[in-house]
Amino acid sequence: AVSIPAGSSSPGCEQTNECYIPSDITVHPGDKVIWTNDDSAAHTVTSGTVDDGPDGKFDSSLFPAGETYSVTLQDLGEYPYFCLVHPWMTGNVFVTVGGGVEVDLQTITVGEGDPDKTTVSSMSADGKVRVEITATNPEEGRNMSISTSFRDFSGGGLIKHVNYDIMAKQNGKNILSDIKVHEHDGTGTHMTSTLESDAPVEFTVIINGFGLPNEENNWTGPKGETVTFKIVPEFGTIAVLILTLAIITTITFTARSKLAIPKI
């Protein structure tokens, strides 16, 4: 549950992120999020951002003091929201895997762009880090080339000083094991050993944190979170099955819409 506290209709609550309490909330697919208006003024809970306007995913319209608004979210991802009347009021809902929720494998079929490579991404459990991996398709007698990047989910910029492990297996055999990797600029490149077949290849990326390699106690961000990518040849094309252990998402870009301030 999220409270809209007394006094949030006046500027200042944004300085302590207490316009909505909590300002950030993490739920699982199918969970209901409930906002209670504990202020004396009417407010809205409108998905989107002040800069880009409402994105149409949910909108409470104005609801008065003492009333509640609820929404049930099924899709994984980050849902920023704000108050149309008091735009300094902002919050975020993060929908992540957990709590025994079963998530089916998501299939992405390669057929557009570079047919020899596949790029996929997933979001960290807190919704703040996007992990991207680009890999060449598995082919007998060749090495697979892999590149990784770690981005700020809200702005898309690379996160510096990333620490991670990356492993790969084919038919149960280790073909890549780069442990305690540190990349200053947030990107890395890796190469498997020579593949013995065109069989599926499983990649595992473990995020260990962000910070200088000799200052582990000061690392920030997700620690020990695992993402597994499985690249599978299928019917002459390549399908990518993404299974995340506590992390899985589909990123959707929505068109910008103008900010409309309702009349009170």
C-alpha atoms as a PDB file:
ATOM      1  CA  ALA A   1       0.000   0.000   0.000  1.00  0.00           C
ATOM      2  CA  VAL A   2       1.096   3.553  -0.725  1.00  0.00           C
ATOM      3  CA  SER A   3       0.080   6.586   1.321  1.00  0.00           C
ATOM      4  CA  ILE A   4      -0.355  10.111  -0.002  1.00  0.00           C
ATOM      5  CA  PRO A   5       0.600  11.859   3.245  1.00  0.00           C
ATOM      6  CA  ALA A   6      -0.729  15.069   4.715  1.00  0.00           C
ATOM      7  CA  GLY A   7       1.007  18.124   3.292  1.00  0.00           C
ATOM      8  CA  SER A   8       2.054  16.527   0.011  1.00  0.00           C
ATOM      9  CA  SER A   9      -0.032  19.087  -1.872  1.00  0.00           C
ATOM     10  CA  SER A  10       2.598  21.690  -0.924  1.00  0.00           C
ATOM     11  CA  PRO A  11       6.117  21.664  -2.425  1.00  0.00           C
ATOM     12  CA  GLY A  12       8.856  20.242  -0.227  1.00  0.00           C
ATOM     13  CA  CYS A  13       7.949  16.572   0.109  1.00  0.00           C
ATOM     14  CA  GLU A  14       9.972  15.853  -3.032  1.00  0.00           C
ATOM     15  CA  GLN A  15      13.172  16.781  -1.190  1.00  0.00           C
ATOM     16  CA  THR A  16      12.846  13.688   1.008  1.00  0.00           C
ATOM     17  CA  ASN A  17      10.958  11.514  -1.511  1.00  0.00           C
ATOM     18  CA  GLU A  18       7.922  11.478   0.776  1.00  0.00           C
ATOM     19  CA  CYS A  19       5.200  12.771  -1.545  1.00  0.00           C
ATOM     20  CA  TYR A  20       4.125   9.147  -1.867  1.00  0.00           C
ATOM     21  CA  ILE A  21       5.153   6.807   0.957  1.00  0.00           C
ATOM     22  CA  PRO A  22       6.931   4.702  -0.034  1.00  0.00           C
ATOM     23  CA  SER A  23       7.985   6.577  -3.168  1.00  0.00           C
ATOM     24  CA  ASP A  24       9.282   3.323  -4.705  1.00  0.00           C
ATOM     25  CA  ILE A  25       7.407   0.050  -4.277  1.00  0.00           C
ATOM     26  CA  THR A  26       8.252  -3.399  -5.638  1.00  0.00           C
ATOM     27  CA  VAL A  27       5.488  -5.914  -6.398  1.00  0.00           C
ATOM     28  CA  HIS A  28       5.038  -9.136  -8.348  1.00  0.00           C
ATOM     29  CA  PRO A  29       2.884  -9.766 -11.448  1.00  0.00           C
ATOM     30  CA  GLY A  30      -0.787  -9.831 -10.490  1.00  0.00           C
ATOM     31  CA  ASP A  31      -0.303  -7.939  -7.222  1.00  0.00           C
ATOM     32  CA  LYS A  32      -2.678  -5.068  -6.489  1.00  0.00           C
ATOM     33  CA  VAL A  33      -1.152  -1.695  -5.614  1.00  0.00           C
ATOM     34  CA  ILE A  34      -3.380   0.527  -3.461  1.00  0.00           C
ATOM     35  CA  TRP A  35      -2.928   4.268  -2.935  1.00  0.00           C
ATOM     36  CA  THR A  36      -4.707   5.965  -0.004  1.00  0.00           C
ATOM     37  CA  ASN A  37      -5.198   9.723  -0.011  1.00  0.00           C
ATOM     38  CA  ASP A  38      -4.280  10.760   3.534  1.00  0.00           C
ATOM     39  CA  ASP A  39      -3.931  14.400   2.519  1.00  0.00           C
ATOM     40  CA  SER A  40      -6.655  17.062   2.667  1.00  0.00           C
ATOM     41  CA  ALA A  41      -6.386  17.869  -1.057  1.00  0.00           C
ATOM     42  CA  ALA A  42      -7.428  15.836  -4.087  1.00  0.00           C
ATOM     43  CA  HIS A  43      -4.674  14.075  -6.046  1.00  0.00           C
ATOM     44  CA  THR A  44      -4.089  11.839  -9.037  1.00  0.00           C
ATOM     45  CA  VAL A  45      -1.951   8.753  -9.524  1.00  0.00           C
ATOM     46  CA  THR A  46      -1.022   8.973 -13.199  1.00  0.00           C
ATOM     47  CA  SER A  47       1.501   6.707 -14.923  1.00  0.00           C
ATOM     48  CA  GLY A  48       4.218   8.465 -16.886  1.00  0.00           C
ATOM     49  CA  THR A  49       6.577  11.332 -16.103  1.00  0.00           C
ATOM     50  CA  VAL A  50       6.245  15.074 -15.719  1.00  0.00           C
ATOM     51  CA  ASP A  51       8.573  15.662 -18.685  1.00  0.00           C
ATOM     52  CA  ASP A  52       6.892  13.242 -21.093  1.00  0.00           C
ATOM     53  CA  GLY A  53       3.347  13.328 -19.755  1.00  0.00           C
ATOM     54  CA  PRO A  54       0.934  10.456 -19.055  1.00  0.00           C
ATOM     55  CA  ASP A  55       1.706   7.176 -20.832  1.00  0.00           C
ATOM     56  CA  GLY A  56      -1.798   5.720 -20.526  1.00  0.00           C
ATOM     57  CA  LYS A  57      -0.935   2.661 -18.426  1.00  0.00           C
ATOM     58  CA  PHE A  58      -3.017   3.749 -15.442  1.00  0.00           C
ATOM     59  CA  ASP A  59      -4.698   6.906 -14.175  1.00  0.00           C
ATOM     60  CA  SER A  60      -6.786   7.432 -11.068  1.00  0.00           C
ATOM     61  CA  SER A  61      -8.223  10.798 -12.139  1.00  0.00           C
ATOM     62  CA  LEU A  62      -8.775  13.153  -9.211  1.00  0.00           C
ATOM     63  CA  PHE A  63      -9.715  11.359  -6.011  1.00  0.00           C
ATOM     64  CA  PRO A  64     -10.452  13.216  -2.763  1.00  0.00           C
ATOM     65  CA  ALA A  65      -9.137  12.910   0.767  1.00  0.00           C
ATOM     66  CA  GLY A  66      -9.906   9.607   2.434  1.00  0.00           C
ATOM     67  CA  GLU A  67     -10.450   7.756  -0.841  1.00  0.00           C
ATOM     68  CA  THR A  68      -8.307   5.000  -2.371  1.00  0.00           C
ATOM     69  CA  TYR A  69      -7.215   4.010  -5.857  1.00  0.00           C
ATOM     70  CA  SER A  70      -5.883   0.611  -6.892  1.00  0.00           C
ATOM     71  CA  VAL A  71      -4.358  -0.972  -9.970  1.00  0.00           C
ATOM     72  CA  THR A  72      -3.207  -4.525 -10.778  1.00  0.00           C
ATOM     73  CA  LEU A  73      -0.090  -4.791 -12.941  1.00  0.00           C
ATOM     74  CA  GLN A  74       0.754  -7.947 -14.899  1.00  0.00           C
ATOM     75  CA  ASP A  75       3.723  -6.911 -17.046  1.00  0.00           C
ATOM     76  CA  LEU A  76       7.238  -6.825 -15.624  1.00  0.00           C
ATOM     77  CA  GLY A  77       8.996  -3.484 -15.670  1.00  0.00           C
ATOM     78  CA  GLU A  78       9.206  -0.018 -14.171  1.00  0.00           C
ATOM     79  CA  TYR A  79       6.095   2.162 -13.876  1.00  0.00           C
ATOM     80  CA  PRO A  80       6.884   5.781 -12.985  1.00  0.00           C
ATOM     81  CA  TYR A  81       3.924   7.914 -11.958  1.00  0.00           C
ATOM     82  CA  PHE A  82       3.106  11.409 -10.729  1.00  0.00           C
ATOM     83  CA  CYS A  83       0.270  13.712  -9.685  1.00  0.00           C
ATOM     84  CA  LEU A  84      -1.154  15.816 -12.493  1.00  0.00           C
ATOM     85  CA  VAL A  85      -2.204  18.554 -10.083  1.00  0.00           C
ATOM     86  CA  HIS A  86       0.975  18.604  -7.993  1.00  0.00           C
ATOM     87  CA  PRO A  87       3.761  17.586 -10.425  1.00  0.00           C
ATOM     88  CA  TRP A  88       6.487  17.554  -7.779  1.00  0.00           C
ATOM     89  CA  MET A  89       4.835  14.395  -6.481  1.00  0.00           C
ATOM     90  CA  THR A  90       6.463  11.390  -8.173  1.00  0.00           C
ATOM     91  CA  GLY A  91       6.830   7.680  -7.468  1.00  0.00           C
ATOM     92  CA  ASN A  92       7.717   4.354  -9.045  1.00  0.00           C
ATOM     93  CA  VAL A  93       6.228   0.874  -9.105  1.00  0.00           C
ATOM     94  CA  PHE A  94       8.625  -1.953  -9.994  1.00  0.00           C
ATOM     95  CA  VAL A  95       7.049  -5.232 -11.098  1.00  0.00           C
ATOM     96  CA  THR A  96       9.582  -8.044 -10.743  1.00  0.00           C
ATOM     97  CA  VAL A  97       9.664 -11.823 -10.580  1.00  0.00           C
ATOM     98  CA  GLY A  98       9.550 -13.334  -7.121  1.00  0.00           C
ATOM     99  CA  GLY A  99       7.371 -14.750  -4.405  1.00  0.00           C
ATOM    100  CA  GLY A 100       6.844 -18.053  -6.178  1.00  0.00           C
ATOM    101  CA  VAL A 101       5.528 -16.465  -9.370  1.00  0.00           C
ATOM    102  CA  GLU A 102       5.985 -18.768 -12.329  1.00  0.00           C
ATOM    103  CA  VAL A 103       7.230 -17.083 -15.485  1.00  0.00           C
ATOM    104  CA  ASP A 104       7.236 -18.814 -18.858  1.00  0.00           C
ATOM    105  CA  LEU A 105      10.250 -18.650 -21.089  1.00  0.00           C
ATOM    106  CA  GLN A 106      10.028 -15.744 -23.469  1.00  0.00           C
ATOM    107  CA  THR A 107      10.952 -16.482 -27.092  1.00  0.00           C
ATOM    108  CA  ILE A 108      12.515 -13.933 -29.415  1.00  0.00           C
ATOM    109  CA  THR A 109      12.981 -15.164 -32.979  1.00  0.00           C
ATOM    110  CA  VAL A 110      15.902 -13.755 -34.889  1.00  0.00           C
ATOM    111  CA  GLY A 111      15.085 -12.641 -38.391  1.00  0.00           C
ATOM    112  CA  GLU A 112      15.612  -8.925 -38.489  1.00  0.00           C
ATOM    113  CA  GLY A 113      18.739  -6.810 -38.257  1.00  0.00           C
ATOM    114  CA  ASP A 114      21.953  -8.843 -38.220  1.00  0.00           C
ATOM    115  CA  PRO A 115      20.942 -12.495 -38.783  1.00  0.00           C
ATOM    116  CA  ASP A 116      24.226 -13.680 -37.261  1.00  0.00           C
ATOM    117  CA  LYS A 117      23.801 -11.947 -33.916  1.00  0.00           C
ATOM    118  CA  THR A 118      21.159 -11.590 -31.253  1.00  0.00           C
ATOM    119  CA  THR A 119      20.755  -8.818 -28.679  1.00  0.00           C
ATOM    120  CA  VAL A 120      18.550  -9.265 -25.626  1.00  0.00           C
ATOM    121  CA  SER A 121      18.155  -7.431 -22.341  1.00  0.00           C
ATOM    122  CA  SER A 122      16.716  -7.863 -18.864  1.00  0.00           C
ATOM    123  CA  MET A 123      16.164  -5.614 -15.886  1.00  0.00           C
ATOM    124  CA  SER A 124      17.497  -6.013 -12.362  1.00  0.00           C
ATOM    125  CA  ALA A 125      15.072  -6.818  -9.564  1.00  0.00           C
ATOM    126  CA  ASP A 126      15.065  -3.207  -8.331  1.00  0.00           C
ATOM    127  CA  GLY A 127      14.252  -1.968 -11.819  1.00  0.00           C
ATOM    128  CA  LYS A 128      17.299   0.291 -12.034  1.00  0.00           C
ATOM    129  CA  VAL A 129      19.801  -1.691 -14.125  1.00  0.00           C
ATOM    130  CA  ARG A 130      19.347  -3.070 -17.630  1.00  0.00           C
ATOM    131  CA  VAL A 131      21.667  -5.922 -18.604  1.00  0.00           C
ATOM    132  CA  GLU A 132      22.242  -6.301 -22.343  1.00  0.00           C
ATOM    133  CA  ILE A 133      23.996  -9.166 -24.081  1.00  0.00           C
ATOM    134  CA  THR A 134      24.807  -9.540 -27.773  1.00  0.00           C
ATOM    135  CA  ALA A 135      26.009 -12.939 -28.982  1.00  0.00           C
ATOM    136  CA  THR A 136      26.786 -14.538 -32.303  1.00  0.00           C
ATOM    137  CA  ASN A 137      24.651 -17.560 -33.044  1.00  0.00           C
ATOM    138  CA  PRO A 138      25.993 -21.041 -32.144  1.00  0.00           C
ATOM    139  CA  GLU A 139      27.769 -22.767 -35.020  1.00  0.00           C
ATOM    140  CA  GLU A 140      29.848 -25.940 -34.942  1.00  0.00           C
ATOM    141  CA  GLY A 141      33.584 -25.347 -35.241  1.00  0.00           C
ATOM    142  CA  ARG A 142      33.395 -21.644 -34.399  1.00  0.00           C
ATOM    143  CA  ASN A 143      33.736 -19.496 -31.310  1.00  0.00           C
ATOM    144  CA  MET A 144      30.863 -17.397 -30.060  1.00  0.00           C
ATOM    145  CA  SER A 145      31.553 -13.710 -29.583  1.00  0.00           C
ATOM    146  CA  ILE A 146      29.707 -12.054 -26.711  1.00  0.00           C
ATOM    147  CA  SER A 147      29.455  -8.425 -25.687  1.00  0.00           C
ATOM    148  CA  THR A 148      27.824  -7.203 -22.498  1.00  0.00           C
ATOM    149  CA  SER A 149      26.640  -3.801 -21.333  1.00  0.00           C
ATOM    150  CA  PHE A 150      25.065  -2.529 -18.145  1.00  0.00           C
ATOM    151  CA  ARG A 151      22.839   0.540 -18.378  1.00  0.00           C
ATOM    152  CA  ASP A 152      20.897   2.841 -16.119  1.00  0.00           C
ATOM    153  CA  PHE A 153      17.310   1.816 -16.829  1.00  0.00           C
ATOM    154  CA  SER A 154      15.876   5.317 -16.404  1.00  0.00           C
ATOM    155  CA  GLY A 155      18.354   7.181 -18.611  1.00  0.00           C
ATOM    156  CA  GLY A 156      19.924   4.464 -20.725  1.00  0.00           C
ATOM    157  CA  GLY A 157      23.490   5.552 -19.987  1.00  0.00           C
ATOM    158  CA  LEU A 158      26.239   3.038 -19.305  1.00  0.00           C
ATOM    159  CA  ILE A 159      27.034   2.372 -15.649  1.00  0.00           C
ATOM    160  CA  LYS A 160      30.754   2.565 -14.959  1.00  0.00           C
ATOM    161  CA  HIS A 161      32.823   0.195 -12.845  1.00  0.00           C
ATOM    162  CA  VAL A 162      30.623  -2.861 -13.235  1.00  0.00           C
ATOM    163  CA  ASN A 163      31.687  -6.120 -11.574  1.00  0.00           C
ATOM    164  CA  TYR A 164      30.229  -9.373 -12.855  1.00  0.00           C
ATOM    165  CA  ASP A 165      30.762 -13.030 -13.730  1.00  0.00           C
ATOM    166  CA  ILE A 166      29.843 -14.548 -17.081  1.00  0.00           C
ATOM    167  CA  MET A 167      29.700 -18.264 -17.858  1.00  0.00           C
ATOM    168  CA  ALA A 168      28.515 -20.364 -20.789  1.00  0.00           C
ATOM    169  CA  LYS A 169      27.775 -24.054 -21.332  1.00  0.00           C
ATOM    170  CA  GLN A 170      26.958 -26.224 -24.335  1.00  0.00           C
ATOM    171  CA  ASN A 171      25.705 -29.773 -23.771  1.00  0.00           C
ATOM    172  CA  GLY A 172      26.725 -29.427 -20.129  1.00  0.00           C
ATOM    173  CA  LYS A 173      30.328 -28.556 -21.014  1.00  0.00           C
ATOM    174  CA  ASN A 174      31.860 -25.276 -19.887  1.00  0.00           C
ATOM    175  CA  ILE A 175      32.847 -23.179 -22.878  1.00  0.00           C
ATOM    176  CA  LEU A 176      33.281 -19.832 -21.094  1.00  0.00           C
ATOM    177  CA  SER A 177      34.052 -18.862 -17.521  1.00  0.00           C
ATOM    178  CA  ASP A 178      35.143 -15.282 -16.891  1.00  0.00           C
ATOM    179  CA  ILE A 179      34.963 -14.617 -13.159  1.00  0.00           C
ATOM    180  CA  LYS A 180      35.358 -11.360 -11.222  1.00  0.00           C
ATOM    181  CA  VAL A 181      35.259  -9.235 -14.343  1.00  0.00           C
ATOM    182  CA  HIS A 182      35.598  -5.475 -13.842  1.00  0.00           C
ATOM    183  CA  GLU A 183      34.757  -3.109 -16.685  1.00  0.00           C
ATOM    184  CA  HIS A 184      35.453   0.584 -16.221  1.00  0.00           C
ATOM    185  CA  ASP A 185      33.070   1.841 -18.915  1.00  0.00           C
ATOM    186  CA  GLY A 186      30.209  -0.624 -18.334  1.00  0.00           C
ATOM    187  CA  THR A 187      30.821  -2.778 -21.407  1.00  0.00           C
ATOM    188  CA  GLY A 188      32.722  -6.025 -21.903  1.00  0.00           C
ATOM    189  CA  THR A 189      33.665  -8.515 -24.610  1.00  0.00           C
ATOM    190  CA  HIS A 190      34.088 -12.268 -24.243  1.00  0.00           C
ATOM    191  CA  MET A 191      34.793 -15.299 -26.420  1.00  0.00           C
ATOM    192  CA  THR A 192      33.810 -18.929 -25.927  1.00  0.00           C
ATOM    193  CA  SER A 193      36.003 -21.869 -26.773  1.00  0.00           C
ATOM    194  CA  THR A 194      35.339 -23.597 -30.104  1.00  0.00           C
ATOM    195  CA  LEU A 195      31.837 -25.054 -30.247  1.00  0.00           C
ATOM    196  CA  GLU A 196      31.493 -28.784 -30.828  1.00  0.00           C
ATOM    197  CA  SER A 197      28.008 -28.473 -32.343  1.00  0.00           C
ATOM    198  CA  ASP A 198      25.128 -26.142 -33.176  1.00  0.00           C
ATOM    199  CA  ALA A 199      23.411 -27.142 -29.930  1.00  0.00           C
ATOM    200  CA  PRO A 200      21.907 -24.549 -27.569  1.00  0.00           C
ATOM    201  CA  VAL A 201      24.296 -22.444 -25.513  1.00  0.00           C
ATOM    202  CA  GLU A 202      23.374 -21.201 -22.048  1.00  0.00           C
ATOM    203  CA  PHE A 203      24.877 -17.945 -20.806  1.00  0.00           C
ATOM    204  CA  THR A 204      24.787 -16.877 -17.169  1.00  0.00           C
ATOM    205  CA  VAL A 205      25.574 -13.323 -16.057  1.00  0.00           C
ATOM    206  CA  ILE A 206      25.883 -12.584 -12.343  1.00  0.00           C
ATOM    207  CA  ILE A 207      25.851  -8.924 -11.301  1.00  0.00           C
ATOM    208  CA  ASN A 208      28.221  -8.503  -8.357  1.00  0.00           C
ATOM    209  CA  GLY A 209      27.902  -4.736  -7.854  1.00  0.00           C
ATOM    210  CA  PHE A 210      29.257  -1.412  -9.051  1.00  0.00           C
ATOM    211  CA  GLY A 211      32.478   0.110  -7.766  1.00  0.00           C
ATOM    212  CA  LEU A 212      36.252  -0.060  -7.870  1.00  0.00           C
ATOM    213  CA  PRO A 213      37.661  -3.610  -7.875  1.00  0.00           C
ATOM    214  CA  ASN A 214      39.589  -3.231  -4.609  1.00  0.00           C
ATOM    215  CA  GLU A 215      36.744  -1.543  -2.717  1.00  0.00           C
ATOM    216  CA  GLU A 216      34.144  -4.295  -2.575  1.00  0.00           C
ATOM    217  CA  ASN A 217      32.699  -3.043   0.707  1.00  0.00           C
ATOM    218  CA  ASN A 218      31.699   0.158  -1.073  1.00  0.00           C
ATOM    219  CA  TRP A 219      30.037  -1.471  -4.086  1.00  0.00           C
ATOM    220  CA  THR A 220      26.504  -0.369  -4.858  1.00  0.00           C
ATOM    221  CA  GLY A 221      23.603  -1.698  -6.910  1.00  0.00           C
ATOM    222  CA  PRO A 222      22.430  -5.302  -7.294  1.00  0.00           C
ATOM    223  CA  LYS A 223      24.708  -7.926  -5.790  1.00  0.00           C
ATOM    224  CA  GLY A 224      24.566 -11.606  -6.684  1.00  0.00           C
ATOM    225  CA  GLU A 225      21.645 -11.283  -9.103  1.00  0.00           C
ATOM    226  CA  THR A 226      21.641 -13.816 -11.941  1.00  0.00           C
ATOM    227  CA  VAL A 227      20.397 -13.625 -15.521  1.00  0.00           C
ATOM    228  CA  THR A 228      20.443 -16.697 -17.772  1.00  0.00           C
ATOM    229  CA  PHE A 229      20.174 -16.525 -21.560  1.00  0.00           C
ATOM    230  CA  LYS A 230      19.697 -19.655 -23.671  1.00  0.00           C
ATOM    231  CA  ILE A 231      20.368 -19.447 -27.409  1.00  0.00           C
ATOM    232  CA  VAL A 232      18.613 -22.232 -29.296  1.00  0.00           C
ATOM    233  CA  PRO A 233      18.715 -23.099 -33.026  1.00  0.00           C
ATOM    234  CA  GLU A 234      15.154 -23.771 -34.152  1.00  0.00           C
ATOM    235  CA  PHE A 235      13.812 -24.608 -37.612  1.00  0.00           C
ATOM    236  CA  GLY A 236      16.704 -22.988 -39.426  1.00  0.00           C
ATOM    237  CA  THR A 237      16.438 -19.778 -37.438  1.00  0.00           C
ATOM    238  CA  ILE A 238      17.643 -18.864 -33.994  1.00  0.00           C
ATOM    239  CA  ALA A 239      15.293 -18.438 -31.075  1.00  0.00           C
ATOM    240  CA  VAL A 240      16.436 -16.885 -27.859  1.00  0.00           C
ATOM    241  CA  LEU A 241      14.869 -18.193 -24.683  1.00  0.00           C
ATOM    242  CA  ILE A 242      15.374 -15.842 -21.795  1.00  0.00           C
ATOM    243  CA  LEU A 243      15.028 -17.258 -18.320  1.00  0.00           C
ATOM    244  CA  THR A 244      15.880 -14.899 -15.485  1.00  0.00           C
ATOM    245  CA  LEU A 245      16.409 -15.964 -11.920  1.00  0.00           C
ATOM    246  CA  ALA A 246      14.631 -13.087 -10.197  1.00  0.00           C
ATOM    247  CA  ILE A 247      15.050 -10.892 -13.275  1.00  0.00           C
ATOM    248  CA  ILE A 248      12.954 -10.808 -16.455  1.00  0.00           C
ATOM    249  CA  THR A 249      11.345  -7.996 -18.371  1.00  0.00           C
ATOM    250  CA  THR A 250       9.988  -6.774 -21.647  1.00  0.00           C
ATOM    251  CA  ILE A 251      10.783  -3.177 -22.391  1.00  0.00           C
ATOM    252  CA  THR A 252       8.098  -1.232 -24.192  1.00  0.00           C
ATOM    253  CA  PHE A 253       8.536   2.254 -25.533  1.00  0.00           C
ATOM    254  CA  THR A 254       5.357   4.303 -25.639  1.00  0.00           C
ATOM    255  CA  ALA A 255       4.637   7.454 -27.577  1.00  0.00           C
ATOM    256  CA  ARG A 256       4.883  10.709 -25.739  1.00  0.00           C
ATOM    257  CA  SER A 257       1.664  12.428 -24.854  1.00  0.00           C
ATOM    258  CA  LYS A 258       1.088  15.989 -23.775  1.00  0.00           C
ATOM    259  CA  LEU A 259       0.634  16.845 -20.134  1.00  0.00           C
ATOM    260  CA  ALA A 260      -2.910  17.938 -19.409  1.00  0.00           C
ATOM    261  CA  ILE A 261      -3.662  19.528 -16.051  1.00  0.00           C
ATOM    262  CA  PRO A 262      -7.221  18.753 -14.913  1.00  0.00           C
ATOM    263  CA  LYS A 263      -9.408  21.527 -13.657  1.00  0.00           C
ATOM    264  CA  ILE A 264     -10.282  21.436  -9.992  1.00  0.00           C
END
